[in-house]
Amino acid sequence: MDMSKQKAYAASIAYACMIGFSFLFVKVALASANPIDVLAHRFTVSFAAALLLFPFLRKKYRFSIQWRDLIYIVPFSLLYPVLFFAFQVWGLMFTSSSEAGIIQATIPILTMVLAAWCLKERPTSIQVLFTILSVSGVMLLFVVKGIDVKHSHLIGYMLILLSALSSSAYSVFARVMTRRFHVIELTFVMTFFGFVFFNAAALIRHSVNATLPQFFSPFTQPSFVWSMLFLGILSSLLTAYLSNYALSHLEAAKVSIFNNLSAFITIAAGVLILHETIDMVHLIGAVLVIGGVIGGNVVRKGNSTQKN
């Protein structure tokens, strides 16, 4: 395995870890602010960090994006982070987090189908099996945590499914975009669009409700500030870069399966940090997730099954 692919796998693992731990910080942040405000502040911190890094990155990398390139980058940025997070947040208003987790566990399968259709990245039957194995492990973990179907709604299911489709489409199109633009360029533009969209949504909401002075009040809570630093810098800016980097070297379906690893890390973090209980079924689910991730990425494709 060459060095670039080793770095891509390391980026995928780091991405999964940060996303996994991000749910803890989101939970802390939501105690002080509305979900839309959390997203707005998250991407404000993320974009501010990107602006601080820009002078240093400009010395090392040549930024070549022109205005005419936005016709390609804007739809890409709308898929992720804008539509992904927007559908996710509004979907969670109608479904439980466990139900949403199960639906979003289908992202690797959706990505595999889209990649085969759009990119001709044909998986082997063994890779399909390992992907399904990993998805099954995630579903088992969430089922054990409990599903509250009493408060679910069809609209919520559809919104979460659209969120999953946005993530899958982003993974597929990122394979094309990273061949044309540098991953740092894409990360910067994606962060900018997240900043613009979610701040606009939050400010419109506060203006309508005449609560604009409350927009920045959560920053009086130290726990909210630390949560925003993690979510904005590590779990938004850095994960966007890591994801784009991994997708520039690995197939979309291989990178996408690491999404399931983040679900396991989320539950593991709850056990280690929040002292939640764990039993044998949790361990079985964890084995399925990790086994599916490793198997889906280690198994090599035959030349007859892959079209380049």
C-alpha atoms as a PDB file:
ATOM      1  CA  MET A   1       0.000   0.000   0.000  1.00  0.00           C
ATOM      2  CA  ASP A   2       1.448   3.370  -1.003  1.00  0.00           C
ATOM      3  CA  MET A   3       1.896   6.232   1.458  1.00  0.00           C
ATOM      4  CA  SER A   4      -0.974   8.324   0.076  1.00  0.00           C
ATOM      5  CA  LYS A   5      -3.486   5.531   0.719  1.00  0.00           C
ATOM      6  CA  GLN A   6      -2.081   4.955   4.195  1.00  0.00           C
ATOM      7  CA  LYS A   7      -2.631   8.660   4.923  1.00  0.00           C
ATOM      8  CA  ALA A   8      -6.135   8.434   3.432  1.00  0.00           C
ATOM      9  CA  TYR A   9      -7.059   5.555   5.764  1.00  0.00           C
ATOM     10  CA  ALA A  10      -5.584   7.473   8.714  1.00  0.00           C
ATOM     11  CA  ALA A  11      -7.654  10.512   7.675  1.00  0.00           C
ATOM     12  CA  SER A  12     -10.802   8.358   7.519  1.00  0.00           C
ATOM     13  CA  ILE A  13     -10.197   6.956  11.003  1.00  0.00           C
ATOM     14  CA  ALA A  14      -9.489  10.427  12.434  1.00  0.00           C
ATOM     15  CA  TYR A  15     -12.642  11.735  10.718  1.00  0.00           C
ATOM     16  CA  ALA A  16     -14.738   8.929  12.248  1.00  0.00           C
ATOM     17  CA  CYS A  17     -13.320   9.585  15.728  1.00  0.00           C
ATOM     18  CA  MET A  18     -14.070  13.327  15.601  1.00  0.00           C
ATOM     19  CA  ILE A  19     -17.593  12.773  14.285  1.00  0.00           C
ATOM     20  CA  GLY A  20     -18.145  10.112  16.943  1.00  0.00           C
ATOM     21  CA  PHE A  21     -17.168  12.421  19.796  1.00  0.00           C
ATOM     22  CA  SER A  22     -19.003  15.384  18.258  1.00  0.00           C
ATOM     23  CA  PHE A  23     -22.387  14.075  19.462  1.00  0.00           C
ATOM     24  CA  LEU A  24     -21.298  14.586  23.061  1.00  0.00           C
ATOM     25  CA  PHE A  25     -20.406  18.209  22.362  1.00  0.00           C
ATOM     26  CA  VAL A  26     -23.626  18.757  20.380  1.00  0.00           C
ATOM     27  CA  LYS A  27     -25.559  17.475  23.390  1.00  0.00           C
ATOM     28  CA  VAL A  28     -23.758  19.970  25.629  1.00  0.00           C
ATOM     29  CA  ALA A  29     -24.291  22.837  23.160  1.00  0.00           C
ATOM     30  CA  LEU A  30     -28.009  22.119  22.761  1.00  0.00           C
ATOM     31  CA  ALA A  31     -28.461  22.715  26.492  1.00  0.00           C
ATOM     32  CA  SER A  32     -27.691  26.393  25.842  1.00  0.00           C
ATOM     33  CA  ALA A  33     -28.930  27.120  22.309  1.00  0.00           C
ATOM     34  CA  ASN A  34     -31.440  26.283  19.600  1.00  0.00           C
ATOM     35  CA  PRO A  35     -30.253  23.691  17.009  1.00  0.00           C
ATOM     36  CA  ILE A  36     -30.111  26.311  14.231  1.00  0.00           C
ATOM     37  CA  ASP A  37     -28.095  28.657  16.459  1.00  0.00           C
ATOM     38  CA  VAL A  38     -25.721  25.802  17.293  1.00  0.00           C
ATOM     39  CA  LEU A  39     -25.092  25.211  13.582  1.00  0.00           C
ATOM     40  CA  ALA A  40     -24.680  28.939  12.937  1.00  0.00           C
ATOM     41  CA  HIS A  41     -22.130  29.396  15.732  1.00  0.00           C
ATOM     42  CA  ARG A  42     -20.423  26.125  14.801  1.00  0.00           C
ATOM     43  CA  PHE A  43     -19.722  27.290  11.264  1.00  0.00           C
ATOM     44  CA  THR A  44     -18.874  30.814  12.400  1.00  0.00           C
ATOM     45  CA  VAL A  45     -16.075  29.386  14.537  1.00  0.00           C
ATOM     46  CA  SER A  46     -15.108  27.074  11.676  1.00  0.00           C
ATOM     47  CA  PHE A  47     -14.945  29.892   9.113  1.00  0.00           C
ATOM     48  CA  ALA A  48     -13.067  32.142  11.531  1.00  0.00           C
ATOM     49  CA  ALA A  49     -10.459  29.412  11.992  1.00  0.00           C
ATOM     50  CA  ALA A  50     -10.227  29.001   8.202  1.00  0.00           C
ATOM     51  CA  LEU A  51      -9.642  32.746   7.776  1.00  0.00           C
ATOM     52  CA  LEU A  52      -6.874  32.666  10.405  1.00  0.00           C
ATOM     53  CA  LEU A  53      -5.178  29.767   8.611  1.00  0.00           C
ATOM     54  CA  PHE A  54      -5.624  31.231   5.126  1.00  0.00           C
ATOM     55  CA  PRO A  55      -2.477  33.478   5.083  1.00  0.00           C
ATOM     56  CA  PHE A  56      -0.287  30.516   6.095  1.00  0.00           C
ATOM     57  CA  LEU A  57      -1.929  28.109   3.661  1.00  0.00           C
ATOM     58  CA  ARG A  58      -1.668  30.624   0.826  1.00  0.00           C
ATOM     59  CA  LYS A  59       2.118  30.586   1.177  1.00  0.00           C
ATOM     60  CA  LYS A  60       2.229  26.799   0.880  1.00  0.00           C
ATOM     61  CA  TYR A  61      -0.584  26.098  -1.587  1.00  0.00           C
ATOM     62  CA  ARG A  62      -1.592  27.854  -4.763  1.00  0.00           C
ATOM     63  CA  PHE A  63      -5.280  28.747  -4.704  1.00  0.00           C
ATOM     64  CA  SER A  64      -6.587  28.620  -8.255  1.00  0.00           C
ATOM     65  CA  ILE A  65     -10.364  28.848  -7.859  1.00  0.00           C
ATOM     66  CA  GLN A  66     -11.930  31.368 -10.247  1.00  0.00           C
ATOM     67  CA  TRP A  67     -15.425  32.853 -10.194  1.00  0.00           C
ATOM     68  CA  ARG A  68     -16.458  30.563 -13.033  1.00  0.00           C
ATOM     69  CA  ASP A  69     -15.517  27.557 -10.892  1.00  0.00           C
ATOM     70  CA  LEU A  70     -18.308  28.362  -8.450  1.00  0.00           C
ATOM     71  CA  ILE A  71     -20.822  26.821 -10.849  1.00  0.00           C
ATOM     72  CA  TYR A  72     -19.275  23.461  -9.901  1.00  0.00           C
ATOM     73  CA  ILE A  73     -18.402  24.134  -6.268  1.00  0.00           C
ATOM     74  CA  VAL A  74     -21.660  25.741  -5.099  1.00  0.00           C
ATOM     75  CA  PRO A  75     -23.847  22.654  -5.751  1.00  0.00           C
ATOM     76  CA  PHE A  76     -21.124  20.514  -4.147  1.00  0.00           C
ATOM     77  CA  SER A  77     -21.082  22.718  -1.032  1.00  0.00           C
ATOM     78  CA  LEU A  78     -24.866  22.690  -0.851  1.00  0.00           C
ATOM     79  CA  LEU A  79     -24.838  18.901  -0.539  1.00  0.00           C
ATOM     80  CA  TYR A  80     -22.447  19.071   2.409  1.00  0.00           C
ATOM     81  CA  PRO A  81     -22.566  20.773   4.831  1.00  0.00           C
ATOM     82  CA  VAL A  82     -25.729  22.773   4.003  1.00  0.00           C
ATOM     83  CA  LEU A  83     -28.326  20.171   2.973  1.00  0.00           C
ATOM     84  CA  PHE A  84     -26.828  17.386   5.098  1.00  0.00           C
ATOM     85  CA  PHE A  85     -27.072  19.345   8.352  1.00  0.00           C
ATOM     86  CA  ALA A  86     -30.297  21.170   7.437  1.00  0.00           C
ATOM     87  CA  PHE A  87     -32.200  17.948   6.680  1.00  0.00           C
ATOM     88  CA  GLN A  88     -30.665  16.312   9.747  1.00  0.00           C
ATOM     89  CA  VAL A  89     -31.656  19.079  12.162  1.00  0.00           C
ATOM     90  CA  TRP A  90     -35.221  19.412  10.908  1.00  0.00           C
ATOM     91  CA  GLY A  91     -35.575  15.642  10.658  1.00  0.00           C
ATOM     92  CA  LEU A  92     -34.631  15.275  14.316  1.00  0.00           C
ATOM     93  CA  MET A  93     -37.578  17.522  15.182  1.00  0.00           C
ATOM     94  CA  PHE A  94     -39.889  14.687  14.076  1.00  0.00           C
ATOM     95  CA  THR A  95     -37.872  11.548  14.915  1.00  0.00           C
ATOM     96  CA  SER A  96     -35.828  10.211  17.801  1.00  0.00           C
ATOM     97  CA  SER A  97     -32.044  10.197  17.596  1.00  0.00           C
ATOM     98  CA  SER A  98     -32.052   6.383  17.526  1.00  0.00           C
ATOM     99  CA  GLU A  99     -34.370   6.283  14.528  1.00  0.00           C
ATOM    100  CA  ALA A 100     -32.243   8.898  12.771  1.00  0.00           C
ATOM    101  CA  GLY A 101     -29.105   6.913  13.556  1.00  0.00           C
ATOM    102  CA  ILE A 102     -30.521   3.784  11.966  1.00  0.00           C
ATOM    103  CA  ILE A 103     -31.566   5.640   8.817  1.00  0.00           C
ATOM    104  CA  GLN A 104     -28.187   7.353   8.505  1.00  0.00           C
ATOM    105  CA  ALA A 105     -26.467   3.994   8.918  1.00  0.00           C
ATOM    106  CA  THR A 106     -27.604   3.325   5.345  1.00  0.00           C
ATOM    107  CA  ILE A 107     -25.171   5.987   4.023  1.00  0.00           C
ATOM    108  CA  PRO A 108     -22.487   3.403   3.030  1.00  0.00           C
ATOM    109  CA  ILE A 109     -25.039   1.387   1.062  1.00  0.00           C
ATOM    110  CA  LEU A 110     -26.439   4.491  -0.643  1.00  0.00           C
ATOM    111  CA  THR A 111     -22.901   5.638  -1.431  1.00  0.00           C
ATOM    112  CA  MET A 112     -21.993   2.241  -2.850  1.00  0.00           C
ATOM    113  CA  VAL A 113     -25.016   2.358  -5.183  1.00  0.00           C
ATOM    114  CA  LEU A 114     -24.365   5.948  -6.294  1.00  0.00           C
ATOM    115  CA  ALA A 115     -20.643   5.302  -6.795  1.00  0.00           C
ATOM    116  CA  ALA A 116     -21.380   2.242  -8.919  1.00  0.00           C
ATOM    117  CA  TRP A 117     -23.874   4.225 -10.989  1.00  0.00           C
ATOM    118  CA  CYS A 118     -22.013   7.534 -11.373  1.00  0.00           C
ATOM    119  CA  LEU A 119     -18.330   6.599 -11.016  1.00  0.00           C
ATOM    120  CA  LYS A 120     -18.419   2.961 -12.177  1.00  0.00           C
ATOM    121  CA  GLU A 121     -16.758   1.942  -8.903  1.00  0.00           C
ATOM    122  CA  ARG A 122     -18.011  -1.628  -8.847  1.00  0.00           C
ATOM    123  CA  PRO A 123     -17.812  -3.381  -5.455  1.00  0.00           C
ATOM    124  CA  THR A 124     -17.237  -7.096  -5.168  1.00  0.00           C
ATOM    125  CA  SER A 125     -19.841  -9.305  -3.512  1.00  0.00           C
ATOM    126  CA  ILE A 126     -17.495  -9.644  -0.512  1.00  0.00           C
ATOM    127  CA  GLN A 127     -17.300  -5.864  -0.114  1.00  0.00           C
ATOM    128  CA  VAL A 128     -21.089  -5.621  -0.315  1.00  0.00           C
ATOM    129  CA  LEU A 129     -21.326  -8.308   2.384  1.00  0.00           C
ATOM    130  CA  PHE A 130     -18.937  -6.477   4.707  1.00  0.00           C
ATOM    131  CA  THR A 131     -20.774  -3.185   4.147  1.00  0.00           C
ATOM    132  CA  ILE A 132     -24.101  -4.789   5.053  1.00  0.00           C
ATOM    133  CA  LEU A 133     -22.375  -6.380   8.071  1.00  0.00           C
ATOM    134  CA  SER A 134     -21.216  -2.971   9.289  1.00  0.00           C
ATOM    135  CA  VAL A 135     -24.656  -1.408   8.717  1.00  0.00           C
ATOM    136  CA  SER A 136     -26.248  -4.285  10.646  1.00  0.00           C
ATOM    137  CA  GLY A 137     -23.885  -3.623  13.540  1.00  0.00           C
ATOM    138  CA  VAL A 138     -24.907   0.047  13.668  1.00  0.00           C
ATOM    139  CA  MET A 139     -28.590  -0.856  13.570  1.00  0.00           C
ATOM    140  CA  LEU A 140     -28.075  -3.348  16.405  1.00  0.00           C
ATOM    141  CA  LEU A 141     -26.308  -0.720  18.522  1.00  0.00           C
ATOM    142  CA  PHE A 142     -29.142   1.766  18.063  1.00  0.00           C
ATOM    143  CA  VAL A 143     -31.869  -0.841  18.615  1.00  0.00           C
ATOM    144  CA  VAL A 144     -30.239  -1.778  21.927  1.00  0.00           C
ATOM    145  CA  LYS A 145     -30.241   1.913  22.912  1.00  0.00           C
ATOM    146  CA  GLY A 146     -33.982   1.912  22.274  1.00  0.00           C
ATOM    147  CA  ILE A 147     -36.283   3.262  19.587  1.00  0.00           C
ATOM    148  CA  ASP A 148     -39.151   5.540  20.529  1.00  0.00           C
ATOM    149  CA  VAL A 149     -41.578   5.076  17.640  1.00  0.00           C
ATOM    150  CA  LYS A 150     -44.378   6.838  19.498  1.00  0.00           C
ATOM    151  CA  HIS A 151     -43.070  10.283  18.532  1.00  0.00           C
ATOM    152  CA  SER A 152     -41.887   9.408  15.044  1.00  0.00           C
ATOM    153  CA  HIS A 153     -43.346  10.894  11.878  1.00  0.00           C
ATOM    154  CA  LEU A 154     -43.083  10.096   8.173  1.00  0.00           C
ATOM    155  CA  ILE A 155     -41.819  13.615   7.448  1.00  0.00           C
ATOM    156  CA  GLY A 156     -38.942  13.055   9.857  1.00  0.00           C
ATOM    157  CA  TYR A 157     -38.000   9.792   8.186  1.00  0.00           C
ATOM    158  CA  MET A 158     -37.972  11.456   4.782  1.00  0.00           C
ATOM    159  CA  LEU A 159     -35.847  14.371   5.989  1.00  0.00           C
ATOM    160  CA  ILE A 160     -33.275  12.075   7.611  1.00  0.00           C
ATOM    161  CA  LEU A 161     -33.199   9.957   4.458  1.00  0.00           C
ATOM    162  CA  LEU A 162     -32.590  13.117   2.401  1.00  0.00           C
ATOM    163  CA  SER A 163     -29.757  13.952   4.801  1.00  0.00           C
ATOM    164  CA  ALA A 164     -28.253  10.504   4.177  1.00  0.00           C
ATOM    165  CA  LEU A 165     -28.638  10.951   0.416  1.00  0.00           C
ATOM    166  CA  SER A 166     -26.916  14.345   0.622  1.00  0.00           C
ATOM    167  CA  SER A 167     -23.957  12.767   2.413  1.00  0.00           C
ATOM    168  CA  SER A 168     -23.762   9.933  -0.114  1.00  0.00           C
ATOM    169  CA  ALA A 169     -23.986  12.288  -3.095  1.00  0.00           C
ATOM    170  CA  TYR A 170     -21.272  14.477  -1.533  1.00  0.00           C
ATOM    171  CA  SER A 171     -18.955  11.461  -1.196  1.00  0.00           C
ATOM    172  CA  VAL A 172     -19.485  10.558  -4.853  1.00  0.00           C
ATOM    173  CA  PHE A 173     -19.051  14.069  -6.251  1.00  0.00           C
ATOM    174  CA  ALA A 174     -16.038  14.716  -4.003  1.00  0.00           C
ATOM    175  CA  ARG A 175     -14.219  11.985  -5.936  1.00  0.00           C
ATOM    176  CA  VAL A 176     -14.609  14.126  -9.050  1.00  0.00           C
ATOM    177  CA  MET A 177     -14.098  17.531  -7.421  1.00  0.00           C
ATOM    178  CA  THR A 178     -10.842  16.583  -5.687  1.00  0.00           C
ATOM    179  CA  ARG A 179      -9.350  15.764  -9.092  1.00  0.00           C
ATOM    180  CA  ARG A 180     -10.052  19.307 -10.252  1.00  0.00           C
ATOM    181  CA  PHE A 181      -9.501  21.375  -7.104  1.00  0.00           C
ATOM    182  CA  HIS A 182      -7.166  21.088  -4.135  1.00  0.00           C
ATOM    183  CA  VAL A 183      -8.783  19.646  -1.010  1.00  0.00           C
ATOM    184  CA  ILE A 184      -7.939  22.799   0.959  1.00  0.00           C
ATOM    185  CA  GLU A 185      -9.742  24.952  -1.611  1.00  0.00           C
ATOM    186  CA  LEU A 186     -12.836  22.780  -1.397  1.00  0.00           C
ATOM    187  CA  THR A 187     -12.743  22.748   2.407  1.00  0.00           C
ATOM    188  CA  PHE A 188     -12.504  26.549   2.543  1.00  0.00           C
ATOM    189  CA  VAL A 189     -15.469  27.059   0.172  1.00  0.00           C
ATOM    190  CA  MET A 190     -17.584  24.396   1.926  1.00  0.00           C
ATOM    191  CA  THR A 191     -16.959  26.083   5.277  1.00  0.00           C
ATOM    192  CA  PHE A 192     -17.870  29.484   3.842  1.00  0.00           C
ATOM    193  CA  PHE A 193     -21.208  28.265   2.497  1.00  0.00           C
ATOM    194  CA  GLY A 194     -22.037  26.574   5.796  1.00  0.00           C
ATOM    195  CA  PHE A 195     -21.248  29.844   7.581  1.00  0.00           C
ATOM    196  CA  VAL A 196     -23.455  31.916   5.244  1.00  0.00           C
ATOM    197  CA  PHE A 197     -26.442  29.560   5.133  1.00  0.00           C
ATOM    198  CA  PHE A 198     -26.782  28.701   8.818  1.00  0.00           C
ATOM    199  CA  ASN A 199     -26.128  32.254  10.048  1.00  0.00           C
ATOM    200  CA  ALA A 200     -28.734  33.550   7.606  1.00  0.00           C
ATOM    201  CA  ALA A 201     -31.229  30.937   8.820  1.00  0.00           C
ATOM    202  CA  ALA A 202     -30.531  31.754  12.480  1.00  0.00           C
ATOM    203  CA  LEU A 203     -30.733  35.523  11.998  1.00  0.00           C
ATOM    204  CA  ILE A 204     -34.000  35.230  10.053  1.00  0.00           C
ATOM    205  CA  ARG A 205     -35.453  33.070  12.815  1.00  0.00           C
ATOM    206  CA  HIS A 206     -34.424  35.533  15.547  1.00  0.00           C
ATOM    207  CA  SER A 207     -35.670  38.513  13.523  1.00  0.00           C
ATOM    208  CA  VAL A 208     -39.083  36.910  13.045  1.00  0.00           C
ATOM    209  CA  ASN A 209     -39.306  36.053  16.756  1.00  0.00           C
ATOM    210  CA  ALA A 210     -37.824  39.414  17.868  1.00  0.00           C
ATOM    211  CA  THR A 211     -35.119  37.574  19.853  1.00  0.00           C
ATOM    212  CA  LEU A 212     -32.007  38.869  18.086  1.00  0.00           C
ATOM    213  CA  PRO A 213     -30.223  39.884  21.352  1.00  0.00           C
ATOM    214  CA  GLN A 214     -30.357  36.224  22.421  1.00  0.00           C
ATOM    215  CA  PHE A 215     -28.312  35.064  19.435  1.00  0.00           C
ATOM    216  CA  PHE A 216     -24.936  35.451  21.172  1.00  0.00           C
ATOM    217  CA  SER A 217     -26.096  34.822  24.751  1.00  0.00           C
ATOM    218  CA  PRO A 218     -25.005  31.120  24.764  1.00  0.00           C
ATOM    219  CA  PHE A 219     -21.365  32.265  24.647  1.00  0.00           C
ATOM    220  CA  THR A 220     -21.699  33.351  28.273  1.00  0.00           C
ATOM    221  CA  GLN A 221     -21.613  29.619  29.145  1.00  0.00           C
ATOM    222  CA  PRO A 222     -18.043  28.185  29.224  1.00  0.00           C
ATOM    223  CA  SER A 223     -19.342  24.727  28.315  1.00  0.00           C
ATOM    224  CA  PHE A 224     -20.914  26.159  25.150  1.00  0.00           C
ATOM    225  CA  VAL A 225     -17.689  27.915  24.192  1.00  0.00           C
ATOM    226  CA  TRP A 226     -15.643  24.718  24.514  1.00  0.00           C
ATOM    227  CA  SER A 227     -18.277  22.814  22.574  1.00  0.00           C
ATOM    228  CA  MET A 228     -18.165  25.357  19.738  1.00  0.00           C
ATOM    229  CA  LEU A 229     -14.376  25.199  19.596  1.00  0.00           C
ATOM    230  CA  PHE A 230     -14.477  21.428  19.200  1.00  0.00           C
ATOM    231  CA  LEU A 231     -17.436  21.382  16.811  1.00  0.00           C
ATOM    232  CA  GLY A 232     -16.261  24.337  14.745  1.00  0.00           C
ATOM    233  CA  ILE A 233     -12.542  23.644  14.420  1.00  0.00           C
ATOM    234  CA  LEU A 234     -12.184  19.878  14.761  1.00  0.00           C
ATOM    235  CA  SER A 235     -15.604  18.464  13.907  1.00  0.00           C
ATOM    236  CA  SER A 236     -16.393  20.812  10.997  1.00  0.00           C
ATOM    237  CA  LEU A 237     -13.288  22.389   9.479  1.00  0.00           C
ATOM    238  CA  LEU A 238     -10.819  19.571  10.088  1.00  0.00           C
ATOM    239  CA  THR A 239     -13.266  16.753   9.329  1.00  0.00           C
ATOM    240  CA  ALA A 240     -14.213  18.439   6.035  1.00  0.00           C
ATOM    241  CA  TYR A 241     -10.538  18.492   5.081  1.00  0.00           C
ATOM    242  CA  LEU A 242      -9.950  14.899   6.221  1.00  0.00           C
ATOM    243  CA  SER A 243     -13.002  13.665   4.336  1.00  0.00           C
ATOM    244  CA  ASN A 244     -12.016  15.486   1.147  1.00  0.00           C
ATOM    245  CA  TYR A 245      -8.457  14.195   1.456  1.00  0.00           C
ATOM    246  CA  ALA A 246      -9.584  10.594   1.963  1.00  0.00           C
ATOM    247  CA  LEU A 247     -11.980  10.833  -0.994  1.00  0.00           C
ATOM    248  CA  SER A 248      -9.178  12.120  -3.204  1.00  0.00           C
ATOM    249  CA  HIS A 249      -7.304   8.823  -2.718  1.00  0.00           C
ATOM    250  CA  LEU A 250      -9.918   6.162  -1.890  1.00  0.00           C
ATOM    251  CA  GLU A 251     -13.158   4.982  -3.455  1.00  0.00           C
ATOM    252  CA  ALA A 252     -16.310   6.681  -2.193  1.00  0.00           C
ATOM    253  CA  ALA A 253     -17.819   3.467  -0.803  1.00  0.00           C
ATOM    254  CA  LYS A 254     -14.652   2.674   1.172  1.00  0.00           C
ATOM    255  CA  VAL A 255     -14.570   6.103   2.811  1.00  0.00           C
ATOM    256  CA  SER A 256     -18.311   6.131   3.466  1.00  0.00           C
ATOM    257  CA  ILE A 257     -18.218   2.907   5.486  1.00  0.00           C
ATOM    258  CA  PHE A 258     -16.158   4.751   8.119  1.00  0.00           C
ATOM    259  CA  ASN A 259     -19.372   6.659   8.960  1.00  0.00           C
ATOM    260  CA  ASN A 260     -20.495   3.525  10.760  1.00  0.00           C
ATOM    261  CA  LEU A 261     -17.326   3.496  12.859  1.00  0.00           C
ATOM    262  CA  SER A 262     -18.303   6.917  14.208  1.00  0.00           C
ATOM    263  CA  ALA A 263     -21.569   5.453  15.552  1.00  0.00           C
ATOM    264  CA  PHE A 264     -19.590   2.878  17.544  1.00  0.00           C
ATOM    265  CA  ILE A 265     -17.255   5.609  18.841  1.00  0.00           C
ATOM    266  CA  THR A 266     -20.259   7.688  19.929  1.00  0.00           C
ATOM    267  CA  ILE A 267     -21.585   4.824  22.054  1.00  0.00           C
ATOM    268  CA  ALA A 268     -18.094   3.984  23.358  1.00  0.00           C
ATOM    269  CA  ALA A 269     -17.652   7.615  24.381  1.00  0.00           C
ATOM    270  CA  GLY A 270     -20.954   7.438  26.258  1.00  0.00           C
ATOM    271  CA  VAL A 271     -19.680   4.401  28.158  1.00  0.00           C
ATOM    272  CA  LEU A 272     -16.249   5.859  28.960  1.00  0.00           C
ATOM    273  CA  ILE A 273     -17.184   9.490  29.614  1.00  0.00           C
ATOM    274  CA  LEU A 274     -20.855   9.440  30.637  1.00  0.00           C
ATOM    275  CA  HIS A 275     -20.548   6.041  32.359  1.00  0.00           C
ATOM    276  CA  GLU A 276     -23.427   4.537  30.397  1.00  0.00           C
ATOM    277  CA  THR A 277     -23.902   0.779  30.738  1.00  0.00           C
ATOM    278  CA  ILE A 278     -22.707  -1.713  28.138  1.00  0.00           C
ATOM    279  CA  ASP A 279     -23.694  -5.347  27.679  1.00  0.00           C
ATOM    280  CA  MET A 280     -22.967  -8.304  25.393  1.00  0.00           C
ATOM    281  CA  VAL A 281     -25.276  -7.062  22.634  1.00  0.00           C
ATOM    282  CA  HIS A 282     -23.315  -3.786  22.482  1.00  0.00           C
ATOM    283  CA  LEU A 283     -20.114  -5.801  22.082  1.00  0.00           C
ATOM    284  CA  ILE A 284     -21.628  -7.898  19.281  1.00  0.00           C
ATOM    285  CA  GLY A 285     -22.734  -4.739  17.484  1.00  0.00           C
ATOM    286  CA  ALA A 286     -19.258  -3.248  17.905  1.00  0.00           C
ATOM    287  CA  VAL A 287     -17.633  -6.383  16.455  1.00  0.00           C
ATOM    288  CA  LEU A 288     -19.980  -6.241  13.438  1.00  0.00           C
ATOM    289  CA  VAL A 289     -19.212  -2.560  12.840  1.00  0.00           C
ATOM    290  CA  ILE A 290     -15.433  -2.869  13.154  1.00  0.00           C
ATOM    291  CA  GLY A 291     -15.341  -6.156  11.236  1.00  0.00           C
ATOM    292  CA  GLY A 292     -17.402  -4.621   8.425  1.00  0.00           C
ATOM    293  CA  VAL A 293     -15.204  -1.519   8.234  1.00  0.00           C
ATOM    294  CA  ILE A 294     -11.970  -3.527   8.173  1.00  0.00           C
ATOM    295  CA  GLY A 295     -13.292  -6.162   5.775  1.00  0.00           C
ATOM    296  CA  GLY A 296     -14.804  -3.610   3.422  1.00  0.00           C
ATOM    297  CA  ASN A 297     -11.491  -1.798   3.117  1.00  0.00           C
ATOM    298  CA  VAL A 298      -8.997  -4.667   3.232  1.00  0.00           C
ATOM    299  CA  VAL A 299     -10.618  -6.910   0.629  1.00  0.00           C
ATOM    300  CA  ARG A 300      -9.055  -6.212  -2.735  1.00  0.00           C
ATOM    301  CA  LYS A 301     -11.010  -5.895  -5.901  1.00  0.00           C
ATOM    302  CA  GLY A 302     -10.367  -8.087  -8.850  1.00  0.00           C
ATOM    303  CA  ASN A 303      -9.623  -6.419 -12.134  1.00  0.00           C
ATOM    304  CA  SER A 304     -12.767  -7.887 -13.586  1.00  0.00           C
ATOM    305  CA  THR A 305     -14.993  -6.138 -11.084  1.00  0.00           C
ATOM    306  CA  GLN A 306     -13.620  -2.631 -11.303  1.00  0.00           C
ATOM    307  CA  LYS A 307     -13.869  -0.174 -14.152  1.00  0.00           C
ATOM    308  CA  ASN A 308     -11.579   2.734 -14.250  1.00  0.00           C
END
